[in-house]
Protein backbone atom coordinates (compact mmCIF):
# COMPACT_ATOMS: atom_id res chain seq x y z
CA MET A 1 -0.15 0.10 -0.12
CA ASP A 2 1.47 3.21 -1.03
CA ILE A 3 1.41 6.35 1.24
CA ILE A 4 2.67 9.96 0.01
CA ARG A 5 4.78 11.69 2.54
CA LYS A 6 7.59 14.24 2.24
CA TYR A 7 10.75 12.67 0.98
CA THR A 8 13.53 11.84 3.34
CA GLU A 9 17.36 11.90 2.42
CA ASN A 10 16.92 8.13 2.47
CA ASP A 11 14.67 8.34 -0.42
CA VAL A 12 16.85 10.41 -2.71
CA GLU A 13 18.46 7.40 -4.31
CA MET A 14 15.23 5.58 -5.38
CA MET A 15 13.88 9.01 -6.34
CA LYS A 16 16.90 9.54 -8.51
CA ASP A 17 16.47 6.38 -10.43
CA ILE A 18 12.62 6.93 -11.00
CA TRP A 19 13.34 10.33 -12.16
CA ASN A 20 16.22 9.20 -14.50
CA GLU A 21 14.20 6.68 -15.91
CA VAL A 22 11.67 9.53 -17.23
CA VAL A 23 14.30 11.37 -18.28
CA ARG A 24 16.10 8.49 -20.55
CA SER A 25 12.74 7.84 -22.13
CA GLY A 26 12.85 11.28 -23.42
CA ILE A 27 8.93 11.54 -23.75
CA ALA A 28 7.87 13.44 -20.93
CA PHE A 29 10.26 15.68 -19.20
CA PRO A 30 12.27 18.23 -20.73
CA GLN A 31 15.36 17.47 -19.03
CA GLU A 32 17.89 15.90 -21.01
CA ASN A 33 20.65 15.12 -18.40
CA GLU A 34 20.09 12.29 -15.80
CA LEU A 35 20.73 13.28 -12.05
CA ASP A 36 23.72 11.45 -10.20
CA THR A 37 23.42 11.01 -6.14
CA ASP A 38 24.83 14.57 -5.61
CA SER A 39 23.05 16.39 -8.15
CA ALA A 40 19.91 14.69 -6.92
CA LYS A 41 20.40 15.63 -3.17
CA ASP A 42 20.79 19.25 -4.30
CA PHE A 43 18.10 19.15 -7.04
CA PHE A 44 15.45 17.57 -4.59
CA ALA A 45 16.47 19.86 -1.63
CA GLU A 46 15.74 22.97 -3.69
CA GLN A 47 12.42 22.20 -4.53
CA SER A 48 9.59 24.09 -2.47
CA TYR A 49 8.66 20.32 -1.84
CA CYS A 50 8.97 16.86 -2.73
CA GLY A 51 6.59 14.06 -2.16
CA ALA A 52 7.40 10.31 -2.27
CA ALA A 53 5.04 7.55 -2.91
CA PHE A 54 6.38 4.95 -0.29
CA ASP A 55 5.35 1.32 -0.43
CA SER A 56 5.56 0.44 3.39
CA GLU A 57 5.42 -3.52 2.71
CA SER A 58 8.53 -3.41 0.24
CA GLY A 59 10.19 -0.09 1.97
CA ARG A 60 10.43 1.12 -1.86
CA VAL A 61 9.68 4.44 -3.20
CA THR A 62 7.44 3.71 -6.13
CA GLY A 63 6.96 7.41 -7.44
CA MET A 64 7.50 10.77 -6.68
CA TYR A 65 6.99 14.65 -7.63
CA ILE A 66 8.70 18.08 -7.20
CA LEU A 67 6.71 21.40 -6.34
CA HIS A 68 8.12 24.71 -7.07
CA PRO A 69 7.27 28.31 -8.20
CA ASN A 70 6.43 28.64 -11.88
CA ASN A 71 7.53 32.12 -11.98
CA VAL A 72 8.53 34.74 -9.70
CA GLY A 73 7.64 38.30 -8.27
CA ARG A 74 3.82 39.19 -9.44
CA CYS A 75 3.53 35.62 -10.88
CA GLY A 76 5.30 33.89 -7.92
CA HIS A 77 1.67 32.52 -6.56
CA ILE A 78 1.69 30.14 -9.51
CA CYS A 79 3.67 26.78 -8.98
CA ASN A 80 4.72 24.03 -11.15
CA ALA A 81 4.95 20.35 -10.62
CA SER A 82 6.63 17.23 -12.44
CA TYR A 83 5.54 13.49 -11.50
CA ALA A 84 7.21 10.35 -11.84
CA VAL A 85 6.21 6.91 -11.20
CA ALA A 86 8.36 3.94 -11.45
CA SER A 87 7.67 2.14 -14.75
CA ASP A 88 6.58 -1.25 -13.36
CA MET A 89 4.21 0.39 -11.02
CA ARG A 90 2.52 2.42 -13.41
CA GLY A 91 -1.27 1.85 -13.81
CA LYS A 92 -1.96 1.60 -10.10
CA HIS A 93 -3.26 5.19 -9.48
CA ILE A 94 -0.01 6.22 -7.83
CA GLY A 95 0.29 8.87 -10.09
CA GLU A 96 -3.14 10.30 -9.00
CA LYS A 97 -2.31 10.11 -5.45
CA LEU A 98 0.91 12.03 -6.18
CA VAL A 99 -1.24 15.06 -8.03
CA LYS A 100 -3.89 14.90 -5.23
CA ASP A 101 -0.94 15.27 -2.43
CA CYS A 102 0.63 17.99 -4.44
CA ILE A 103 -2.50 20.09 -4.66
CA VAL A 104 -2.47 19.87 -1.04
CA GLN A 105 0.99 20.49 -0.34
CA ALA A 106 0.69 23.74 -2.92
CA GLU A 107 -2.07 25.08 -1.30
CA LYS A 108 -0.27 24.62 2.28
CA LEU A 109 2.72 26.72 0.84
CA GLY A 110 0.27 29.64 -0.29
CA PHE A 111 -0.07 28.89 -3.95
CA LYS A 112 -2.85 29.91 -5.74
CA ILE A 113 -2.54 28.22 -9.22
CA LEU A 114 -0.96 24.65 -10.23
CA GLN A 115 0.21 24.84 -13.73
CA PHE A 116 1.95 22.51 -16.07
CA ASN A 117 3.71 23.93 -18.89
CA ALA A 118 4.39 21.13 -20.89
CA VAL A 119 2.37 18.01 -21.04
CA VAL A 120 3.11 16.19 -24.02
CA ALA A 121 0.23 15.40 -26.22
CA SER A 122 0.95 11.75 -26.55
CA ASN A 123 1.00 11.41 -22.56
CA SER A 124 -2.53 10.14 -22.42
CA ALA A 125 -2.59 8.83 -18.83
CA ALA A 126 -1.42 12.19 -17.69
CA LEU A 127 -4.23 14.03 -19.95
CA LEU A 128 -6.98 11.74 -18.47
CA LEU A 129 -5.92 12.17 -14.95
CA TYR A 130 -5.65 15.91 -15.28
CA GLU A 131 -9.06 16.17 -16.84
CA LYS A 132 -10.43 13.80 -14.25
CA LEU A 133 -9.23 15.84 -11.68
CA GLY A 134 -10.35 19.29 -12.76
CA PHE A 135 -7.70 20.80 -14.67
CA THR A 136 -8.08 23.17 -17.30
CA ARG A 137 -6.35 22.76 -20.54
CA LEU A 138 -4.90 26.02 -21.92
CA GLY A 139 -4.68 24.94 -25.50
CA ILE A 140 -2.03 23.55 -27.72
CA ILE A 141 1.46 24.71 -28.48
CA PRO A 142 2.46 22.98 -31.54
CA HIS A 143 5.89 21.09 -31.77
CA GLY A 144 6.60 22.36 -28.32
CA PHE A 145 8.41 19.26 -27.21
CA ARG A 146 11.64 17.78 -29.05
CA LEU A 147 11.47 13.97 -28.78
CA PRO A 148 14.72 11.71 -28.65
CA ASN A 149 14.51 11.20 -32.35
CA GLY A 150 14.55 14.87 -33.26
CA GLU A 151 10.94 15.01 -34.37
CA TYR A 152 8.66 17.32 -32.60
CA GLU A 153 5.47 16.77 -30.52
CA ASP A 154 2.65 19.01 -29.57
CA ILE A 155 2.33 19.98 -25.62
CA ILE A 156 -0.74 21.11 -23.78
CA PRO A 157 -0.46 23.58 -20.81
CA HIS A 158 -2.89 22.92 -17.99
CA TYR A 159 -3.72 24.52 -14.79
CA ILE A 160 -6.23 24.27 -11.73
CA ASN A 161 -6.91 26.94 -9.20
CA LEU A 162 -6.05 26.03 -5.74
């Protein structure tokens, strides 16, 4: 049974592996460089909040998210997040639990809007989940995401009022 909780330093190695799996796939995150242990510690520590899906039976982190401001100053009330679930754990509603927890944590931190800048159009699971949870699609940015083969795919920004 997965519980969503604030990450601890003991989670960093497993979170790094999950994060890097998504980066390596090249189909969801804009990042191209994987994290090593030191850069992962720094990266996760600099976020406003990181959540981990923790399986208490196995002691394994099965998914994670990062939450941070989307902008600064007069737009600093808008936050952004990224979610990752271990490939062998997908389809078990862990992503939904992560997004719901992220919304709660974002509100606690005083953010007013959660915005996703670049939901890749072929990420059908994410698109269905965000629709189910009440996010609003902002339109389509044609060819906004470069795939590993050099081709481009549309992205669909989303937001939800907190």
